[in-house]
N, C-alpha and C. Protein backbone atom coordinates (compact mmCIF):
# COMPACT_ATOMS: atom_id res chain seq x y z
N MET A 1 0.40 -1.07 0.26
CA MET A 1 0.06 -0.30 0.14
C MET A 1 1.05 0.62 0.18
N GLN A 2 0.59 2.04 -1.26
CA GLN A 2 1.27 3.37 -0.83
C GLN A 2 0.36 4.65 0.33
N LYS A 3 1.48 5.32 0.76
CA LYS A 3 0.64 5.90 1.74
C LYS A 3 0.58 7.79 0.53
N ALA A 4 -0.93 8.20 0.65
CA ALA A 4 -0.26 9.63 -0.19
C ALA A 4 0.28 10.78 0.27
N VAL A 5 0.24 11.29 -0.05
CA VAL A 5 1.39 12.54 0.22
C VAL A 5 0.47 13.52 -0.24
N VAL A 6 0.70 13.98 0.68
CA VAL A 6 -0.05 15.72 1.09
C VAL A 6 0.78 16.73 0.88
N PRO A 7 0.54 17.75 0.36
CA PRO A 7 1.13 18.78 -0.25
C PRO A 7 0.87 19.33 1.25
N ILE A 8 1.81 20.93 1.42
CA ILE A 8 2.40 21.89 2.76
C ILE A 8 1.34 22.74 2.58
N HIS A 9 0.80 23.38 1.27
CA HIS A 9 0.33 23.73 0.82
C HIS A 9 -0.46 23.62 0.27
N PRO A 10 -1.54 22.16 0.31
CA PRO A 10 -3.00 22.50 -0.86
C PRO A 10 -4.09 23.48 -1.14
N GLU A 11 -3.97 23.04 -2.27
CA GLU A 11 -4.28 23.80 -3.93
C GLU A 11 -5.47 22.58 -4.38
N PHE A 12 -7.24 23.71 -4.17
CA PHE A 12 -7.87 22.46 -4.16
C PHE A 12 -8.93 23.67 -5.55
N ARG A 13 -9.44 22.72 -6.77
CA ARG A 13 -9.59 23.27 -7.85
C ARG A 13 -11.47 22.69 -8.30
N ALA A 14 -11.82 23.59 -8.92
CA ALA A 14 -12.86 23.25 -9.59
C ALA A 14 -13.33 23.49 -11.08
N GLU A 15 -14.20 23.20 -12.49
CA GLU A 15 -13.92 23.74 -12.90
C GLU A 15 -15.36 23.28 -14.01
N ALA A 16 -15.75 24.25 -14.48
CA ALA A 16 -16.76 23.66 -15.72
C ALA A 16 -16.12 23.47 -16.87
N ARG A 17 -16.50 22.52 -17.71
CA ARG A 17 -16.51 22.26 -18.88
C ARG A 17 -17.49 23.01 -20.26
N PHE A 18 -17.11 22.89 -20.74
CA PHE A 18 -18.20 22.91 -22.08
C PHE A 18 -18.71 24.23 -22.06
N GLN A 19 -18.53 25.97 -21.06
CA GLN A 19 -19.09 26.73 -21.21
C GLN A 19 -19.61 27.13 -22.92
N ARG A 20 -20.40 27.60 -23.04
CA ARG A 20 -20.76 28.37 -24.31
C ARG A 20 -20.67 29.67 -24.12
N SER A 21 -19.84 30.61 -23.88
CA SER A 21 -18.96 31.47 -24.18
C SER A 21 -17.55 31.76 -24.20
N SER A 22 -17.10 32.49 -25.05
CA SER A 22 -15.79 32.75 -25.64
C SER A 22 -15.24 32.63 -25.03
N PRO A 23 -14.22 31.87 -25.03
CA PRO A 23 -12.67 32.15 -23.46
C PRO A 23 -12.04 33.46 -23.59
N GLN A 24 -12.43 33.96 -24.56
CA GLN A 24 -12.18 36.38 -23.94
C GLN A 24 -12.95 36.58 -23.10
N LYS A 25 -13.85 36.52 -23.92
CA LYS A 25 -15.46 36.95 -22.37
C LYS A 25 -15.73 36.82 -21.21
N ALA A 26 -14.96 34.97 -20.77
CA ALA A 26 -14.84 34.73 -19.45
C ALA A 26 -13.88 35.21 -18.64
N LYS A 27 -12.04 35.57 -19.60
CA LYS A 27 -11.11 36.52 -18.75
C LYS A 27 -11.31 37.25 -18.81
N LEU A 28 -12.78 38.02 -18.59
CA LEU A 28 -12.60 39.55 -18.22
C LEU A 28 -13.28 39.11 -17.07
N VAL A 29 -14.06 38.40 -16.80
CA VAL A 29 -14.70 38.10 -15.66
C VAL A 29 -13.51 38.04 -14.70
N LEU A 30 -12.77 36.65 -14.73
CA LEU A 30 -11.49 35.82 -14.32
C LEU A 30 -10.68 36.76 -13.69
N ASP A 31 -9.73 38.05 -14.39
CA ASP A 31 -9.10 38.57 -14.13
C ASP A 31 -9.98 39.85 -12.84
N LEU A 32 -10.80 39.64 -12.92
CA LEU A 32 -11.33 40.54 -11.42
C LEU A 32 -11.14 40.10 -10.00
N ILE A 33 -10.79 38.66 -10.31
CA ILE A 33 -10.73 38.27 -9.17
C ILE A 33 -9.52 37.10 -8.50
N LYS A 34 -8.29 36.71 -9.74
CA LYS A 34 -7.02 36.57 -9.65
C LYS A 34 -6.89 37.09 -8.48
N GLY A 35 -6.15 36.17 -7.19
CA GLY A 35 -5.06 37.31 -6.01
C GLY A 35 -6.35 37.22 -5.17
N LEU A 36 -7.70 37.78 -5.23
CA LEU A 36 -8.63 37.98 -4.52
C LEU A 36 -8.81 37.12 -3.37
N PRO A 37 -9.63 37.28 -2.17
CA PRO A 37 -9.93 36.41 -1.00
C PRO A 37 -11.19 35.82 -1.52
N VAL A 38 -11.53 35.29 -0.73
CA VAL A 38 -12.50 34.06 -0.91
C VAL A 38 -13.57 34.83 -1.06
N GLY A 39 -14.37 35.25 -0.22
CA GLY A 39 -15.06 35.94 -0.26
C GLY A 39 -15.37 37.16 -0.65
N LYS A 40 -14.44 37.52 -1.06
CA LYS A 40 -14.62 39.48 -1.55
C LYS A 40 -14.63 38.99 -3.48
N ALA A 41 -14.31 37.61 -3.69
CA ALA A 41 -14.23 37.84 -5.00
C ALA A 41 -15.59 36.97 -5.76
N ILE A 42 -16.81 36.09 -4.44
CA ILE A 42 -17.59 35.65 -4.93
C ILE A 42 -18.53 37.33 -5.00
N THR A 43 -18.34 37.98 -3.57
CA THR A 43 -18.94 39.83 -4.01
C THR A 43 -19.03 40.48 -5.09
N THR A 44 -17.66 40.04 -5.06
CA THR A 44 -17.86 41.39 -6.23
C THR A 44 -17.75 40.13 -8.06
N VAL A 45 -18.20 39.28 -7.99
CA VAL A 45 -18.46 38.11 -9.34
C VAL A 45 -20.23 38.04 -9.39
N ALA A 46 -20.86 38.31 -8.42
CA ALA A 46 -22.23 38.46 -8.05
C ALA A 46 -22.67 39.75 -8.55
N PHE A 47 -22.13 41.12 -8.44
CA PHE A 47 -21.86 41.94 -8.58
C PHE A 47 -21.82 42.57 -10.30
N THR A 48 -20.85 42.09 -10.85
CA THR A 48 -20.86 41.74 -12.26
C THR A 48 -22.01 40.91 -13.30
N ASN A 49 -21.79 42.51 -14.16
CA ASN A 49 -22.57 42.44 -15.40
C ASN A 49 -22.41 41.60 -16.37
N LYS A 50 -22.11 40.96 -16.40
CA LYS A 50 -21.45 39.54 -17.62
C LYS A 50 -22.71 38.39 -17.90
N ARG A 51 -22.50 37.58 -18.79
CA ARG A 51 -23.53 36.51 -18.40
C ARG A 51 -22.99 35.36 -18.08
N ILE A 52 -21.36 35.48 -18.09
CA ILE A 52 -20.77 33.69 -17.62
C ILE A 52 -20.35 34.50 -16.42
N ALA A 53 -20.47 35.36 -15.36
CA ALA A 53 -20.45 35.34 -14.29
C ALA A 53 -21.13 34.68 -13.25
N PRO A 54 -22.04 34.50 -13.52
CA PRO A 54 -22.89 33.04 -12.34
C PRO A 54 -22.74 31.94 -12.76
N ILE A 55 -21.68 31.99 -13.88
CA ILE A 55 -21.29 30.10 -14.28
C ILE A 55 -19.92 30.63 -13.28
N VAL A 56 -19.01 31.64 -13.79
CA VAL A 56 -18.05 31.78 -12.82
C VAL A 56 -17.89 31.79 -11.35
N GLU A 57 -19.15 32.36 -10.35
CA GLU A 57 -19.18 32.14 -9.25
C GLU A 57 -19.86 30.61 -8.87
N LYS A 58 -20.31 30.04 -9.46
CA LYS A 58 -20.79 28.87 -9.18
C LYS A 58 -19.60 27.94 -9.35
N VAL A 59 -18.01 28.06 -10.44
CA VAL A 59 -17.40 26.94 -10.00
C VAL A 59 -16.22 27.55 -8.91
N LEU A 60 -16.61 28.83 -8.82
CA LEU A 60 -15.74 29.36 -7.40
C LEU A 60 -16.40 28.58 -6.40
N ARG A 61 -17.81 28.91 -5.85
CA ARG A 61 -18.13 27.78 -4.20
C ARG A 61 -18.23 26.96 -4.50
N SER A 62 -17.78 25.94 -6.28
CA SER A 62 -17.27 24.27 -5.63
C SER A 62 -16.21 24.04 -5.27
N ALA A 63 -14.90 25.18 -6.28
CA ALA A 63 -14.21 25.11 -5.41
C ALA A 63 -13.50 24.94 -3.59
N VAL A 64 -14.47 26.36 -3.17
CA VAL A 64 -14.55 26.05 -2.15
C VAL A 64 -15.22 25.24 -1.00
N GLN A 65 -16.30 24.30 -1.37
CA GLN A 65 -16.94 23.53 -0.94
C GLN A 65 -15.88 21.96 -1.02
N ASN A 66 -15.06 22.27 -2.21
CA ASN A 66 -14.27 20.98 -2.55
C ASN A 66 -12.58 20.92 -2.03
N ALA A 67 -12.85 22.22 -1.67
CA ALA A 67 -11.71 22.57 0.31
C ALA A 67 -11.90 21.59 1.33
N VAL A 68 -13.50 22.64 1.72
CA VAL A 68 -13.90 22.23 3.41
C VAL A 68 -13.94 20.70 3.18
N HIS A 69 -14.35 20.12 1.65
CA HIS A 69 -14.63 18.09 1.63
C HIS A 69 -13.62 17.82 1.61
N LEU A 70 -12.63 18.30 1.00
CA LEU A 70 -11.19 17.35 0.84
C LEU A 70 -10.13 17.80 2.62
N SER A 71 -10.32 19.33 3.25
CA SER A 71 -10.35 18.83 3.93
C SER A 71 -10.68 18.65 5.28
N ASP A 72 -11.26 17.76 5.22
CA ASP A 72 -12.47 17.07 6.07
C ASP A 72 -12.12 15.89 6.80
N GLU A 73 -12.21 14.94 4.74
CA GLU A 73 -11.31 13.57 4.41
C GLU A 73 -10.22 13.18 4.41
N ARG A 74 -9.27 14.31 4.64
CA ARG A 74 -8.08 14.54 4.46
C ARG A 74 -6.95 14.64 5.94
N GLY A 75 -8.04 14.77 6.30
CA GLY A 75 -7.96 15.61 7.92
C GLY A 75 -6.85 17.30 8.32
N LEU A 76 -6.91 17.78 7.00
CA LEU A 76 -6.20 19.11 7.30
C LEU A 76 -6.72 19.83 7.80
N ASP A 77 -6.08 20.79 8.21
CA ASP A 77 -6.99 22.24 9.13
C ASP A 77 -6.56 23.12 8.38
N ILE A 78 -8.21 23.55 7.48
CA ILE A 78 -8.25 24.43 6.26
C ILE A 78 -9.07 25.75 7.02
N ASP A 79 -8.40 26.87 6.50
CA ASP A 79 -9.31 27.29 7.37
C ASP A 79 -10.05 28.14 6.45
N VAL A 80 -11.62 28.08 6.01
CA VAL A 80 -11.98 28.80 5.25
C VAL A 80 -11.67 31.06 4.57
N ASP A 81 -11.33 31.39 5.88
CA ASP A 81 -11.78 33.04 5.74
C ASP A 81 -10.32 32.65 4.86
N ASN A 82 -8.80 32.32 5.02
CA ASN A 82 -8.04 32.19 4.77
C ASN A 82 -7.70 31.86 3.02
N LEU A 83 -8.71 31.13 2.37
CA LEU A 83 -8.97 31.08 1.07
C LEU A 83 -8.49 32.36 0.10
N TYR A 84 -7.88 32.12 -0.72
CA TYR A 84 -8.13 32.57 -2.09
C TYR A 84 -7.61 32.45 -3.34
N VAL A 85 -8.63 33.32 -4.26
CA VAL A 85 -7.97 32.60 -6.01
C VAL A 85 -6.57 32.64 -6.12
N LYS A 86 -6.09 31.48 -6.63
CA LYS A 86 -4.66 31.20 -6.81
C LYS A 86 -4.29 31.87 -8.01
N THR A 87 -5.76 30.64 -8.77
CA THR A 87 -5.29 30.64 -10.25
C THR A 87 -6.96 30.67 -11.16
N ALA A 88 -7.12 31.93 -12.13
CA ALA A 88 -8.30 31.59 -12.58
C ALA A 88 -8.28 31.69 -13.77
N VAL A 89 -8.81 30.48 -14.65
CA VAL A 89 -8.10 30.06 -16.65
C VAL A 89 -8.94 30.26 -17.28
N ALA A 90 -9.39 30.05 -18.19
CA ALA A 90 -10.68 30.06 -18.82
C ALA A 90 -9.97 29.64 -20.61
N ASN A 91 -9.34 28.02 -20.46
CA ASN A 91 -9.09 27.31 -22.00
C ASN A 91 -10.04 27.69 -22.89
N GLU A 92 -9.94 26.85 -24.19
CA GLU A 92 -10.23 27.37 -25.22
C GLU A 92 -10.91 25.46 -25.54
N GLY A 93 -11.93 25.26 -25.60
CA GLY A 93 -12.49 23.79 -25.58
C GLY A 93 -13.12 24.01 -26.87
N PRO A 94 -13.53 23.01 -27.46
CA PRO A 94 -13.53 22.88 -29.10
C PRO A 94 -14.75 23.94 -29.75
N ARG A 95 -14.42 23.76 -31.02
CA ARG A 95 -15.30 24.84 -31.73
C ARG A 95 -16.51 24.58 -32.38
N MET A 96 -17.71 25.13 -32.26
CA MET A 96 -18.89 24.35 -33.53
C MET A 96 -18.83 25.42 -34.03
N LYS A 97 -18.76 24.83 -35.90
CA LYS A 97 -18.41 25.30 -36.80
C LYS A 97 -20.33 24.97 -37.44
N ARG A 98 -20.28 26.82 -37.48
CA ARG A 98 -21.48 27.11 -38.09
C ARG A 98 -22.10 27.22 -39.39
N ILE A 99 -22.81 27.81 -39.87
CA ILE A 99 -23.33 28.58 -41.24
C ILE A 99 -24.26 29.17 -41.05
N ARG A 100 -24.36 30.87 -42.13
CA ARG A 100 -25.00 31.42 -42.09
C ARG A 100 -25.00 32.00 -43.75
N PRO A 101 -26.36 32.44 -43.28
CA PRO A 101 -26.76 33.23 -44.86
C PRO A 101 -26.06 33.63 -45.58
N ALA A 102 -25.74 33.95 -46.36
CA ALA A 102 -24.93 35.24 -47.11
C ALA A 102 -25.70 35.31 -48.45
N PRO A 103 -25.22 36.28 -48.98
CA PRO A 103 -25.92 37.05 -50.38
C PRO A 103 -26.20 36.10 -51.76
N MET A 104 -26.26 36.21 -52.82
CA MET A 104 -26.71 35.15 -53.86
C MET A 104 -26.25 34.30 -53.78
N GLY A 105 -26.83 32.88 -52.81
CA GLY A 105 -27.28 31.60 -52.68
C GLY A 105 -26.06 31.14 -51.47
N ARG A 106 -25.03 32.27 -51.44
CA ARG A 106 -23.36 31.78 -50.61
C ARG A 106 -23.45 31.77 -49.60
N ALA A 107 -22.89 31.03 -48.74
CA ALA A 107 -22.85 31.00 -47.14
C ALA A 107 -21.45 30.81 -46.79
N PHE A 108 -21.61 31.72 -44.94
CA PHE A 108 -20.63 31.96 -44.73
C PHE A 108 -20.45 30.84 -43.72
N ARG A 109 -18.96 30.79 -43.33
CA ARG A 109 -18.38 29.81 -41.82
C ARG A 109 -18.50 30.11 -40.80
N TYR A 110 -18.68 30.34 -39.80
CA TYR A 110 -18.10 31.00 -38.39
C TYR A 110 -17.84 29.55 -37.01
N GLN A 111 -17.91 30.43 -36.12
CA GLN A 111 -17.33 29.16 -35.06
C GLN A 111 -17.76 29.67 -33.75
N ARG A 112 -18.65 28.72 -33.25
CA ARG A 112 -18.59 29.59 -31.81
C ARG A 112 -17.89 28.98 -30.71
N ARG A 113 -17.81 30.03 -30.38
CA ARG A 113 -16.70 29.37 -28.82
C ARG A 113 -17.09 28.80 -27.85
N ILE A 114 -16.05 28.14 -27.13
CA ILE A 114 -16.21 26.78 -25.99
C ILE A 114 -15.62 27.57 -25.78
N ALA A 115 -15.37 27.69 -23.73
CA ALA A 115 -15.06 28.04 -22.43
C ALA A 115 -14.74 26.29 -21.81
N HIS A 116 -13.66 26.14 -21.09
CA HIS A 116 -12.81 25.42 -20.25
C HIS A 116 -12.72 26.68 -19.04
N ILE A 117 -13.47 26.74 -17.82
CA ILE A 117 -13.10 27.38 -16.59
C ILE A 117 -13.05 27.20 -15.41
N ILE A 118 -11.57 26.75 -15.31
CA ILE A 118 -11.59 26.45 -14.30
C ILE A 118 -10.54 27.15 -13.11
N ILE A 119 -11.12 27.09 -11.60
CA ILE A 119 -10.63 28.03 -11.02
C ILE A 119 -9.81 26.87 -9.65
N THR A 120 -8.82 28.05 -8.96
CA THR A 120 -7.96 26.96 -7.96
C THR A 120 -8.03 27.90 -7.22
N VAL A 121 -8.32 26.91 -5.70
CA VAL A 121 -8.20 28.26 -4.30
C VAL A 121 -6.91 27.48 -3.67
N ALA A 122 -6.39 28.14 -2.76
CA ALA A 122 -5.73 27.88 -1.61
C ALA A 122 -5.50 28.75 -0.39
N GLU A 123 -5.13 28.05 0.47
CA GLU A 123 -4.81 28.91 2.05
C GLU A 123 -3.65 29.45 2.06
N LYS A 124 -4.10 31.32 2.19
CA LYS A 124 -2.56 32.06 2.46
C LYS A 124 -2.10 31.95 3.47
N ARG A 125 -0.72 31.40 3.95
CA ARG A 125 -0.56 31.40 5.10
C ARG A 125 0.74 32.25 5.45
N PRO A 126 0.64 32.95 6.75
CA PRO A 126 1.65 33.48 6.87
C PRO A 126 2.89 33.31 6.78
N SER A 127 3.38 33.70 6.14
CA SER A 127 5.07 33.24 5.82
C SER A 127 6.53 32.76 7.31
N THR A 128 6.93 32.51 7.05
CA THR A 128 7.63 31.64 8.10
C THR A 128 8.42 32.30 8.92
N ILE A 129 8.76 33.37 8.38
CA ILE A 129 9.47 35.14 9.07
C ILE A 129 8.48 35.84 10.91
N GLU A 130 7.45 35.81 9.83
CA GLU A 130 6.29 36.27 10.24
C GLU A 130 5.86 35.59 11.61
N ALA A 131 5.95 33.64 11.23
CA ALA A 131 5.78 33.16 12.54
C ALA A 131 6.31 32.80 13.37
N ALA A 132 7.69 33.07 12.99
CA ALA A 132 9.32 32.64 13.38
C ALA A 132 9.01 33.83 14.86
N GLY A 133 8.16 34.64 14.91
CA GLY A 133 7.98 36.32 15.26
C GLY A 133 9.55 37.20 15.59
N ALA A 134 9.99 37.48 14.53
CA ALA A 134 11.01 38.28 14.84
C ALA A 134 10.72 39.94 14.61
N PRO A 135 11.43 40.49 14.90
CA PRO A 135 10.69 41.81 15.81
C PRO A 135 11.08 42.83 13.68
N GLU A 136 9.83 43.28 14.15
CA GLU A 136 9.78 44.13 13.09
C GLU A 136 10.51 45.41 12.79
N VAL A 137 10.55 45.59 11.51
CA VAL A 137 11.64 46.71 11.78
C VAL A 137 10.56 47.98 11.16
N GLU A 138 10.58 49.36 11.75
CA GLU A 138 9.79 50.65 11.70
C GLU A 138 10.40 51.36 10.64
N ALA A 139 9.49 51.19 9.22
CA ALA A 139 9.91 51.34 7.87
C ALA A 139 9.84 53.00 7.79
N SER A 140 8.89 53.80 8.81
CA SER A 140 7.92 54.99 8.19
C SER A 140 8.72 55.79 9.28
N ALA A 141 9.57 55.81 9.99
CA ALA A 141 10.74 56.55 10.36
C ALA A 141 11.92 57.43 9.82
N PRO A 142 11.82 58.32 9.25
CA PRO A 142 13.23 58.82 8.60
C PRO A 142 14.39 58.02 9.03
N LYS A 143 14.74 57.96 8.21
CA LYS A 143 16.89 58.07 8.60
C LYS A 143 17.51 58.84 8.99
N LYS A 144 18.17 58.98 9.89
CA LYS A 144 18.57 60.41 9.91
C LYS A 144 20.24 60.42 9.67
N THR A 145 21.35 61.36 9.30
CA THR A 145 22.25 61.33 8.69
C THR A 145 22.81 61.92 9.59
N ALA A 146 24.08 62.13 10.00
CA ALA A 146 25.21 63.37 10.74
C ALA A 146 25.72 63.70 9.65
N GLY A 147 25.98 64.88 9.89
CA GLY A 147 26.41 66.03 8.67
C GLY A 147 26.12 66.39 7.41
N LYS A 148 24.68 65.75 7.21
CA LYS A 148 24.86 65.88 5.89
C LYS A 148 23.86 67.26 5.67
N LYS A 149 23.78 68.10 4.80
CA LYS A 149 22.44 69.09 4.81
C LYS A 149 21.35 68.90 3.99
N ALA A 150 19.81 69.45 3.82
CA ALA A 150 19.84 69.03 3.22
C ALA A 150 19.48 69.45 1.93
N VAL A 151 19.33 69.26 0.02
CA VAL A 151 19.72 69.81 -0.59
C VAL A 151 18.55 70.38 -0.53
N ALA A 152 18.83 72.04 -1.23
CA ALA A 152 17.18 72.77 -1.86
C ALA A 152 17.09 72.40 -3.16
N LYS A 153 15.54 72.32 -3.56
CA LYS A 153 15.62 72.05 -4.84
C LYS A 153 15.52 73.32 -5.59
N LYS A 154 15.25 72.56 -6.63
CA LYS A 154 15.87 74.02 -7.75
C LYS A 154 14.69 74.48 -8.21
N ALA A 155 14.99 75.42 -8.83
CA ALA A 155 13.62 76.48 -9.26
C ALA A 155 13.49 76.36 -10.79
N PRO A 156 12.21 76.67 -10.74
CA PRO A 156 11.49 75.97 -12.29
C PRO A 156 12.35 77.15 -13.13
N ALA A 157 12.44 76.05 -14.42
CA ALA A 157 12.87 77.38 -15.70
C ALA A 157 12.25 78.65 -15.81
N LYS A 158 12.03 79.20 -16.28
CA LYS A 158 11.85 80.58 -16.67
C LYS A 158 11.19 79.81 -18.01
N LYS A 159 10.02 80.59 -18.31
CA LYS A 159 9.37 80.09 -19.77
C LYS A 159 9.76 81.20 -20.44
N ALA A 160 10.38 81.16 -22.05
CA ALA A 160 11.24 81.54 -23.53
C ALA A 160 9.87 83.08 -23.28
N VAL A 161 9.88 84.41 -23.23
CA VAL A 161 8.99 85.08 -24.23
C VAL A 161 8.88 85.50 -25.64
N ALA A 162 7.74 85.25 -25.37
CA ALA A 162 7.28 85.28 -27.12
C ALA A 162 7.40 87.08 -27.57
N LYS A 163 7.78 86.84 -29.05
CA LYS A 163 7.83 88.02 -29.39
C LYS A 163 6.43 87.94 -30.13
N LYS A 164 5.66 89.35 -30.21
CA LYS A 164 4.51 89.70 -30.43
C LYS A 164 5.06 90.55 -31.03
N LYS A 165 5.69 91.78 -30.70
CA LYS A 165 5.91 93.22 -31.25
C LYS A 165 5.69 92.39 -32.30
N ALA A 166 6.59 91.53 -33.40
CA ALA A 166 6.81 91.82 -35.00
C ALA A 166 5.72 91.26 -35.13
N ALA A 167 4.86 91.03 -34.91
CA ALA A 167 3.23 90.74 -35.38
C ALA A 167 1.81 91.43 -34.63
N ALA A 168 2.36 92.62 -33.51
CA ALA A 168 2.02 93.25 -33.89
C ALA A 168 1.90 94.54 -34.96
N LYS A 169 3.12 95.26 -35.24
CA LYS A 169 3.23 95.82 -36.45
C LYS A 169 2.88 95.56 -37.83
């Protein structure tokens, strides 16, 4: 028997395949939620006025439910509040070839595009330096150097005077 290897930072994904929207249009919605926390991403997609937005929201909720289910199944300690959208992609599926009538009995071919939407969520963990309790450096205080004077700013250059006397005569 082989022992299941669990990654240190597990990722959970969900996908919706063969969606009747072009990948280009789906990417417009997916770009809005990349890198956001899951709660904020769901709110963003819920108020987006695109036809593909409800499908993206459904896939995002499915990815979160996959995270909850698999963490219970594998005994992982996953905090749903720390989940964020790691990747959100829309790949191209098979194209449907269609024919449109054209003048003089001709026909034009066009293609209906199909998208495969894949969303991956992961838990945002604190970095190892912050977890170790390293002292934080005060970055807002300016550093003072002894013996140096502050350099004065230069005055802006004067504009050249236009020669209007010749035009007035």
